Amino acid sequence: MEKIAAILIAVHMVGDFILQPDWLVKCKTNFPYILLHAAIHGTLAYLALQAWRCWQIPVLVLAIHATIDWLKQCSKRDTVMAFMFDQVGHILGLLLLAWILAHRPYLPAFGGRGFTAIVVAGGFTATVFGSGFLIAKFAKRLVEENGLKLDGLLNGGKLIGQLERALIFLFIFIGQPTGIGFLVAAKSILRFEEAKKQKLAEYVLIGTLLSFSLAVALSSATKWALTLK
């Protein structure tokens, strides 16, 4: 069950944060586009588990994903908590599906082909891109509540965050977590001028700590998931 769950969660991350372009996100107020997005997830799960006669996989993934996304659209909320509940709901649904597939005669024994590549791809996606969505929503709330004016490059902060989380992912996987300390030191030096303004300094510090914490946690979880093989 654990390997099946790891595969399903990994491809979910790829489907949600790589294969869901902005135009599809905007169109998901219409149910046919929710079904299209859910069908992508079903197809990814079917291809990843490589059980070609198990039609239940794409059907059940599509049904679970479409239901959760439809409920999210009905709530019409785009907040940090809404994002977290949405992702937790998807993961719990996939864990339930993994249990069903493991304890019912639907899925033959998973051969493990491509397990490492799929899990690493999913973990990297969640670490670098997925966590960025959570951070962006949290940062937006801070900016609106405190009336901050940011005059940096367009999407500059987003790209910096992605690069730093990618480096943390690399440091964790090569067994050199001390490299994260050098990354923190380098960022502190580069942000020295901003530290002179209290509100901006606190905004940067909160965003950095949240980014680093999520990157370490998700990278470590990915590395642990590889031991399931």
C-alpha atoms as a PDB file:
ATOM      1  CA  MET A   1       0.000   0.000   0.000  1.00  0.00           C
ATOM      2  CA  GLU A   2       2.794   2.426   0.892  1.00  0.00           C
ATOM      3  CA  LYS A   3       4.401   2.274  -2.561  1.00  0.00           C
ATOM      4  CA  ILE A   4       1.036   2.740  -4.268  1.00  0.00           C
ATOM      5  CA  ALA A   5       0.271   5.744  -2.042  1.00  0.00           C
ATOM      6  CA  ALA A   6       3.683   7.283  -2.755  1.00  0.00           C
ATOM      7  CA  ILE A   7       3.135   6.918  -6.516  1.00  0.00           C
ATOM      8  CA  LEU A   8      -0.382   8.397  -6.385  1.00  0.00           C
ATOM      9  CA  ILE A   9       0.706  11.381  -4.293  1.00  0.00           C
ATOM     10  CA  ALA A  10       3.757  12.007  -6.486  1.00  0.00           C
ATOM     11  CA  VAL A  11       1.761  12.114  -9.727  1.00  0.00           C
ATOM     12  CA  HIS A  12      -0.858  14.263  -8.010  1.00  0.00           C
ATOM     13  CA  MET A  13       1.815  16.888  -7.367  1.00  0.00           C
ATOM     14  CA  VAL A  14       2.913  16.820 -11.001  1.00  0.00           C
ATOM     15  CA  GLY A  15      -0.688  17.058 -12.200  1.00  0.00           C
ATOM     16  CA  ASP A  16      -1.623  19.927  -9.886  1.00  0.00           C
ATOM     17  CA  PHE A  17       1.504  22.090 -10.109  1.00  0.00           C
ATOM     18  CA  ILE A  18       3.099  21.304 -13.483  1.00  0.00           C
ATOM     19  CA  LEU A  19       0.263  20.183 -15.758  1.00  0.00           C
ATOM     20  CA  GLN A  20      -2.296  22.752 -14.622  1.00  0.00           C
ATOM     21  CA  PRO A  21      -1.649  25.963 -16.591  1.00  0.00           C
ATOM     22  CA  ASP A  22      -3.092  29.325 -15.538  1.00  0.00           C
ATOM     23  CA  TRP A  23      -5.829  29.231 -18.192  1.00  0.00           C
ATOM     24  CA  LEU A  24      -7.120  25.937 -16.808  1.00  0.00           C
ATOM     25  CA  VAL A  25      -7.167  27.305 -13.252  1.00  0.00           C
ATOM     26  CA  LYS A  26      -9.266  30.275 -14.417  1.00  0.00           C
ATOM     27  CA  CYS A  27     -11.651  28.038 -16.367  1.00  0.00           C
ATOM     28  CA  LYS A  28     -12.274  25.645 -13.466  1.00  0.00           C
ATOM     29  CA  THR A  29     -15.335  27.628 -12.453  1.00  0.00           C
ATOM     30  CA  ASN A  30     -16.996  25.530 -15.196  1.00  0.00           C
ATOM     31  CA  PHE A  31     -17.464  21.855 -14.365  1.00  0.00           C
ATOM     32  CA  PRO A  32     -16.276  20.500 -17.767  1.00  0.00           C
ATOM     33  CA  TYR A  33     -12.839  22.023 -17.080  1.00  0.00           C
ATOM     34  CA  ILE A  34     -12.807  20.434 -13.622  1.00  0.00           C
ATOM     35  CA  LEU A  35     -13.417  17.097 -15.364  1.00  0.00           C
ATOM     36  CA  LEU A  36     -10.598  17.827 -17.835  1.00  0.00           C
ATOM     37  CA  HIS A  37      -8.183  18.541 -14.983  1.00  0.00           C
ATOM     38  CA  ALA A  38      -9.341  15.437 -13.085  1.00  0.00           C
ATOM     39  CA  ALA A  39      -8.956  13.345 -16.261  1.00  0.00           C
ATOM     40  CA  ILE A  40      -5.310  14.450 -16.489  1.00  0.00           C
ATOM     41  CA  HIS A  41      -4.790  13.197 -12.937  1.00  0.00           C
ATOM     42  CA  GLY A  42      -6.524   9.918 -13.715  1.00  0.00           C
ATOM     43  CA  THR A  43      -4.362   9.391 -16.778  1.00  0.00           C
ATOM     44  CA  LEU A  44      -1.149  10.150 -14.869  1.00  0.00           C
ATOM     45  CA  ALA A  45      -2.064   7.672 -12.109  1.00  0.00           C
ATOM     46  CA  TYR A  46      -2.934   5.012 -14.702  1.00  0.00           C
ATOM     47  CA  LEU A  47       0.385   5.460 -16.512  1.00  0.00           C
ATOM     48  CA  ALA A  48       2.426   5.567 -13.301  1.00  0.00           C
ATOM     49  CA  LEU A  49       0.959   2.394 -11.772  1.00  0.00           C
ATOM     50  CA  GLN A  50       1.274   0.550 -15.115  1.00  0.00           C
ATOM     51  CA  ALA A  51      -1.699  -1.727 -14.455  1.00  0.00           C
ATOM     52  CA  TRP A  52      -3.105  -1.601 -17.977  1.00  0.00           C
ATOM     53  CA  ARG A  53      -6.196  -3.720 -17.289  1.00  0.00           C
ATOM     54  CA  CYS A  54      -7.110  -1.892 -14.097  1.00  0.00           C
ATOM     55  CA  TRP A  55      -9.624   0.647 -15.438  1.00  0.00           C
ATOM     56  CA  GLN A  56     -10.676   1.422 -11.867  1.00  0.00           C
ATOM     57  CA  ILE A  57      -7.537   3.533 -11.329  1.00  0.00           C
ATOM     58  CA  PRO A  58      -8.275   6.411 -13.739  1.00  0.00           C
ATOM     59  CA  VAL A  59     -12.004   6.308 -12.992  1.00  0.00           C
ATOM     60  CA  LEU A  60     -11.593   6.490  -9.210  1.00  0.00           C
ATOM     61  CA  VAL A  61      -8.842   9.133  -9.354  1.00  0.00           C
ATOM     62  CA  LEU A  62     -10.981  11.230 -11.703  1.00  0.00           C
ATOM     63  CA  ALA A  63     -14.021  10.901  -9.424  1.00  0.00           C
ATOM     64  CA  ILE A  64     -12.120  11.759  -6.231  1.00  0.00           C
ATOM     65  CA  HIS A  65     -10.262  14.699  -7.747  1.00  0.00           C
ATOM     66  CA  ALA A  66     -13.290  16.159  -9.533  1.00  0.00           C
ATOM     67  CA  THR A  67     -15.400  15.952  -6.361  1.00  0.00           C
ATOM     68  CA  ILE A  68     -12.846  17.733  -4.196  1.00  0.00           C
ATOM     69  CA  ASP A  69     -12.174  20.430  -6.821  1.00  0.00           C
ATOM     70  CA  TRP A  70     -15.902  20.981  -7.308  1.00  0.00           C
ATOM     71  CA  LEU A  71     -16.400  21.413  -3.554  1.00  0.00           C
ATOM     72  CA  LYS A  72     -13.534  23.923  -3.504  1.00  0.00           C
ATOM     73  CA  GLN A  73     -15.089  25.896  -6.361  1.00  0.00           C
ATOM     74  CA  CYS A  74     -18.435  25.913  -4.546  1.00  0.00           C
ATOM     75  CA  SER A  75     -16.786  27.501  -1.501  1.00  0.00           C
ATOM     76  CA  LYS A  76     -15.384  30.315  -3.728  1.00  0.00           C
ATOM     77  CA  ARG A  77     -12.495  30.900  -1.345  1.00  0.00           C
ATOM     78  CA  ASP A  78      -8.897  31.502  -2.374  1.00  0.00           C
ATOM     79  CA  THR A  79      -7.105  31.609   0.955  1.00  0.00           C
ATOM     80  CA  VAL A  80      -4.231  29.818   2.648  1.00  0.00           C
ATOM     81  CA  MET A  81      -6.631  27.580   4.575  1.00  0.00           C
ATOM     82  CA  ALA A  82      -8.673  26.790   1.466  1.00  0.00           C
ATOM     83  CA  PHE A  83      -5.502  25.750  -0.353  1.00  0.00           C
ATOM     84  CA  MET A  84      -4.359  23.582   2.566  1.00  0.00           C
ATOM     85  CA  PHE A  85      -7.758  21.901   3.000  1.00  0.00           C
ATOM     86  CA  ASP A  86      -7.862  21.249  -0.746  1.00  0.00           C
ATOM     87  CA  GLN A  87      -4.454  19.542  -0.796  1.00  0.00           C
ATOM     88  CA  VAL A  88      -5.094  17.595   2.418  1.00  0.00           C
ATOM     89  CA  GLY A  89      -8.416  16.436   0.973  1.00  0.00           C
ATOM     90  CA  HIS A  90      -6.719  15.206  -2.201  1.00  0.00           C
ATOM     91  CA  ILE A  91      -4.005  13.385  -0.263  1.00  0.00           C
ATOM     92  CA  LEU A  92      -6.505  11.712   2.087  1.00  0.00           C
ATOM     93  CA  GLY A  93      -8.561  10.653  -0.925  1.00  0.00           C
ATOM     94  CA  LEU A  94      -5.475   9.138  -2.564  1.00  0.00           C
ATOM     95  CA  LEU A  95      -4.526   7.322   0.651  1.00  0.00           C
ATOM     96  CA  LEU A  96      -8.018   5.826   0.752  1.00  0.00           C
ATOM     97  CA  LEU A  97      -7.683   4.814  -2.897  1.00  0.00           C
ATOM     98  CA  ALA A  98      -4.280   3.237  -2.216  1.00  0.00           C
ATOM     99  CA  TRP A  99      -5.843   1.186   0.584  1.00  0.00           C
ATOM    100  CA  ILE A 100      -8.678   0.062  -1.684  1.00  0.00           C
ATOM    101  CA  LEU A 101      -6.292  -0.934  -4.486  1.00  0.00           C
ATOM    102  CA  ALA A 102      -4.024  -2.786  -2.065  1.00  0.00           C
ATOM    103  CA  HIS A 103      -6.819  -4.718  -0.347  1.00  0.00           C
ATOM    104  CA  ARG A 104      -9.075  -5.499  -3.285  1.00  0.00           C
ATOM    105  CA  PRO A 105      -8.328  -7.637  -6.374  1.00  0.00           C
ATOM    106  CA  TYR A 106      -8.273  -4.610  -8.678  1.00  0.00           C
ATOM    107  CA  LEU A 107      -4.561  -3.964  -8.910  1.00  0.00           C
ATOM    108  CA  PRO A 108      -1.884  -6.629  -9.490  1.00  0.00           C
ATOM    109  CA  ALA A 109       1.321  -6.312  -7.494  1.00  0.00           C
ATOM    110  CA  PHE A 110       3.099  -3.082  -8.430  1.00  0.00           C
ATOM    111  CA  GLY A 111       6.367  -3.962 -10.155  1.00  0.00           C
ATOM    112  CA  GLY A 112       8.116  -0.795  -9.067  1.00  0.00           C
ATOM    113  CA  ARG A 113       9.234   0.256 -12.547  1.00  0.00           C
ATOM    114  CA  GLY A 114      10.149   3.921 -12.497  1.00  0.00           C
ATOM    115  CA  PHE A 115       9.344   4.235  -8.787  1.00  0.00           C
ATOM    116  CA  THR A 116      12.409   6.342  -7.959  1.00  0.00           C
ATOM    117  CA  ALA A 117      11.989   8.716 -10.913  1.00  0.00           C
ATOM    118  CA  ILE A 118       8.268   9.214 -10.252  1.00  0.00           C
ATOM    119  CA  VAL A 119       8.696   9.888  -6.529  1.00  0.00           C
ATOM    120  CA  VAL A 120      11.638  12.262  -7.067  1.00  0.00           C
ATOM    121  CA  ALA A 121       9.711  14.147  -9.764  1.00  0.00           C
ATOM    122  CA  GLY A 122       6.705  14.460  -7.482  1.00  0.00           C
ATOM    123  CA  GLY A 123       8.774  15.494  -4.482  1.00  0.00           C
ATOM    124  CA  PHE A 124      10.721  18.069  -6.472  1.00  0.00           C
ATOM    125  CA  THR A 125       7.494  19.493  -7.875  1.00  0.00           C
ATOM    126  CA  ALA A 126       5.901  19.745  -4.431  1.00  0.00           C
ATOM    127  CA  THR A 127       9.027  21.309  -2.911  1.00  0.00           C
ATOM    128  CA  VAL A 128       9.842  23.859  -5.597  1.00  0.00           C
ATOM    129  CA  PHE A 129       6.457  24.700  -7.111  1.00  0.00           C
ATOM    130  CA  GLY A 130       3.686  23.381  -4.870  1.00  0.00           C
ATOM    131  CA  SER A 131       4.892  25.065  -1.696  1.00  0.00           C
ATOM    132  CA  GLY A 132       5.294  28.276  -3.713  1.00  0.00           C
ATOM    133  CA  PHE A 133       1.516  28.510  -4.138  1.00  0.00           C
ATOM    134  CA  LEU A 134       1.017  28.323  -0.364  1.00  0.00           C
ATOM    135  CA  ILE A 135       3.746  30.904   0.264  1.00  0.00           C
ATOM    136  CA  ALA A 136       2.316  33.248  -2.389  1.00  0.00           C
ATOM    137  CA  LYS A 137      -1.140  33.183  -0.801  1.00  0.00           C
ATOM    138  CA  PHE A 138       0.338  33.775   2.654  1.00  0.00           C
ATOM    139  CA  ALA A 139       2.546  36.617   1.379  1.00  0.00           C
ATOM    140  CA  LYS A 140      -0.397  38.238  -0.417  1.00  0.00           C
ATOM    141  CA  ARG A 141      -2.326  38.366   2.838  1.00  0.00           C
ATOM    142  CA  LEU A 142       0.621  39.955   4.644  1.00  0.00           C
ATOM    143  CA  VAL A 143       0.983  42.598   1.932  1.00  0.00           C
ATOM    144  CA  GLU A 144      -2.719  43.464   1.984  1.00  0.00           C
ATOM    145  CA  GLU A 145      -2.994  43.570   5.787  1.00  0.00           C
ATOM    146  CA  ASN A 146       0.101  45.756   6.259  1.00  0.00           C
ATOM    147  CA  GLY A 147      -0.123  47.946   3.171  1.00  0.00           C
ATOM    148  CA  LEU A 148       3.347  46.982   1.973  1.00  0.00           C
ATOM    149  CA  LYS A 149       4.612  48.327  -1.337  1.00  0.00           C
ATOM    150  CA  LEU A 150       6.933  45.956  -3.139  1.00  0.00           C
ATOM    151  CA  ASP A 151       8.957  47.428  -5.989  1.00  0.00           C
ATOM    152  CA  GLY A 152      11.148  44.497  -7.011  1.00  0.00           C
ATOM    153  CA  LEU A 153      11.287  42.661 -10.327  1.00  0.00           C
ATOM    154  CA  LEU A 154       8.078  41.170 -11.675  1.00  0.00           C
ATOM    155  CA  ASN A 155       7.921  37.612 -10.241  1.00  0.00           C
ATOM    156  CA  GLY A 156      11.423  38.162  -8.827  1.00  0.00           C
ATOM    157  CA  GLY A 157      10.518  36.906  -5.368  1.00  0.00           C
ATOM    158  CA  LYS A 158       8.746  33.895  -6.867  1.00  0.00           C
ATOM    159  CA  LEU A 159      11.801  32.885  -8.896  1.00  0.00           C
ATOM    160  CA  ILE A 160      14.166  33.419  -5.959  1.00  0.00           C
ATOM    161  CA  GLY A 161      11.971  31.193  -3.805  1.00  0.00           C
ATOM    162  CA  GLN A 162      11.889  28.456  -6.428  1.00  0.00           C
ATOM    163  CA  LEU A 163      15.657  28.528  -6.833  1.00  0.00           C
ATOM    164  CA  GLU A 164      16.352  28.416  -3.100  1.00  0.00           C
ATOM    165  CA  ARG A 165      13.937  25.508  -2.597  1.00  0.00           C
ATOM    166  CA  ALA A 166      15.519  23.662  -5.527  1.00  0.00           C
ATOM    167  CA  LEU A 167      18.945  24.098  -3.907  1.00  0.00           C
ATOM    168  CA  ILE A 168      17.615  22.861  -0.564  1.00  0.00           C
ATOM    169  CA  PHE A 169      16.137  19.813  -2.325  1.00  0.00           C
ATOM    170  CA  LEU A 170      19.566  19.147  -3.847  1.00  0.00           C
ATOM    171  CA  PHE A 171      21.406  19.623  -0.524  1.00  0.00           C
ATOM    172  CA  ILE A 172      19.063  17.184   1.246  1.00  0.00           C
ATOM    173  CA  PHE A 173      19.432  14.544  -1.458  1.00  0.00           C
ATOM    174  CA  ILE A 174      23.209  14.648  -1.670  1.00  0.00           C
ATOM    175  CA  GLY A 175      23.444  14.454   2.119  1.00  0.00           C
ATOM    176  CA  GLN A 176      24.811  17.956   2.604  1.00  0.00           C
ATOM    177  CA  PRO A 177      22.180  19.776   4.716  1.00  0.00           C
ATOM    178  CA  THR A 178      24.887  22.135   6.018  1.00  0.00           C
ATOM    179  CA  GLY A 179      24.702  23.813   2.611  1.00  0.00           C
ATOM    180  CA  ILE A 180      21.357  25.249   3.723  1.00  0.00           C
ATOM    181  CA  GLY A 181      23.219  27.327   6.314  1.00  0.00           C
ATOM    182  CA  PHE A 182      25.369  28.920   3.626  1.00  0.00           C
ATOM    183  CA  LEU A 183      22.200  29.632   1.631  1.00  0.00           C
ATOM    184  CA  VAL A 184      20.665  31.403   4.637  1.00  0.00           C
ATOM    185  CA  ALA A 185      23.843  33.448   5.155  1.00  0.00           C
ATOM    186  CA  ALA A 186      24.023  34.457   1.495  1.00  0.00           C
ATOM    187  CA  LYS A 187      20.386  35.548   1.444  1.00  0.00           C
ATOM    188  CA  SER A 188      20.854  37.547   4.660  1.00  0.00           C
ATOM    189  CA  ILE A 189      23.724  39.502   3.098  1.00  0.00           C
ATOM    190  CA  LEU A 190      21.794  40.204  -0.086  1.00  0.00           C
ATOM    191  CA  ARG A 191      18.760  41.381   1.904  1.00  0.00           C
ATOM    192  CA  PHE A 192      20.831  43.589   4.230  1.00  0.00           C
ATOM    193  CA  GLU A 193      19.362  46.891   3.013  1.00  0.00           C
ATOM    194  CA  GLU A 194      15.795  45.644   3.382  1.00  0.00           C
ATOM    195  CA  ALA A 195      16.533  44.701   7.004  1.00  0.00           C
ATOM    196  CA  LYS A 196      16.687  48.420   7.840  1.00  0.00           C
ATOM    197  CA  LYS A 197      12.922  48.712   7.274  1.00  0.00           C
ATOM    198  CA  GLN A 198      11.071  46.815   9.987  1.00  0.00           C
ATOM    199  CA  LYS A 199       7.895  45.867   8.122  1.00  0.00           C
ATOM    200  CA  LEU A 200       9.750  44.815   5.000  1.00  0.00           C
ATOM    201  CA  ALA A 201      12.379  42.970   7.034  1.00  0.00           C
ATOM    202  CA  GLU A 202       9.712  41.019   8.921  1.00  0.00           C
ATOM    203  CA  TYR A 203       7.896  40.241   5.651  1.00  0.00           C
ATOM    204  CA  VAL A 204      11.096  38.869   4.083  1.00  0.00           C
ATOM    205  CA  LEU A 205      11.995  36.921   7.241  1.00  0.00           C
ATOM    206  CA  ILE A 206       8.569  35.286   7.498  1.00  0.00           C
ATOM    207  CA  GLY A 207       8.566  34.365   3.813  1.00  0.00           C
ATOM    208  CA  THR A 208      12.111  32.986   3.970  1.00  0.00           C
ATOM    209  CA  LEU A 209      11.493  30.876   7.078  1.00  0.00           C
ATOM    210  CA  LEU A 210       8.273  29.494   5.626  1.00  0.00           C
ATOM    211  CA  SER A 211       9.974  28.710   2.300  1.00  0.00           C
ATOM    212  CA  PHE A 212      12.967  27.023   3.937  1.00  0.00           C
ATOM    213  CA  SER A 213      10.807  25.045   6.383  1.00  0.00           C
ATOM    214  CA  LEU A 214       8.537  23.689   3.667  1.00  0.00           C
ATOM    215  CA  ALA A 215      11.517  22.853   1.450  1.00  0.00           C
ATOM    216  CA  VAL A 216      13.311  20.918   4.205  1.00  0.00           C
ATOM    217  CA  ALA A 217      10.138  19.073   5.234  1.00  0.00           C
ATOM    218  CA  LEU A 218       9.088  18.105   1.698  1.00  0.00           C
ATOM    219  CA  SER A 219      12.628  17.167   0.616  1.00  0.00           C
ATOM    220  CA  SER A 220      13.039  14.971   3.684  1.00  0.00           C
ATOM    221  CA  ALA A 221       9.624  13.359   3.084  1.00  0.00           C
ATOM    222  CA  THR A 222      10.609  12.609  -0.516  1.00  0.00           C
ATOM    223  CA  LYS A 223      13.889  11.051   0.549  1.00  0.00           C
ATOM    224  CA  TRP A 224      12.040   8.909   3.091  1.00  0.00           C
ATOM    225  CA  ALA A 225       9.476   7.830   0.472  1.00  0.00           C
ATOM    226  CA  LEU A 226      12.301   6.417  -1.654  1.00  0.00           C
ATOM    227  CA  THR A 227      13.088   3.918   1.114  1.00  0.00           C
ATOM    228  CA  LEU A 228       9.685   2.289   0.465  1.00  0.00           C
ATOM    229  CA  LYS A 229      11.127   0.737  -2.693  1.00  0.00           C
END
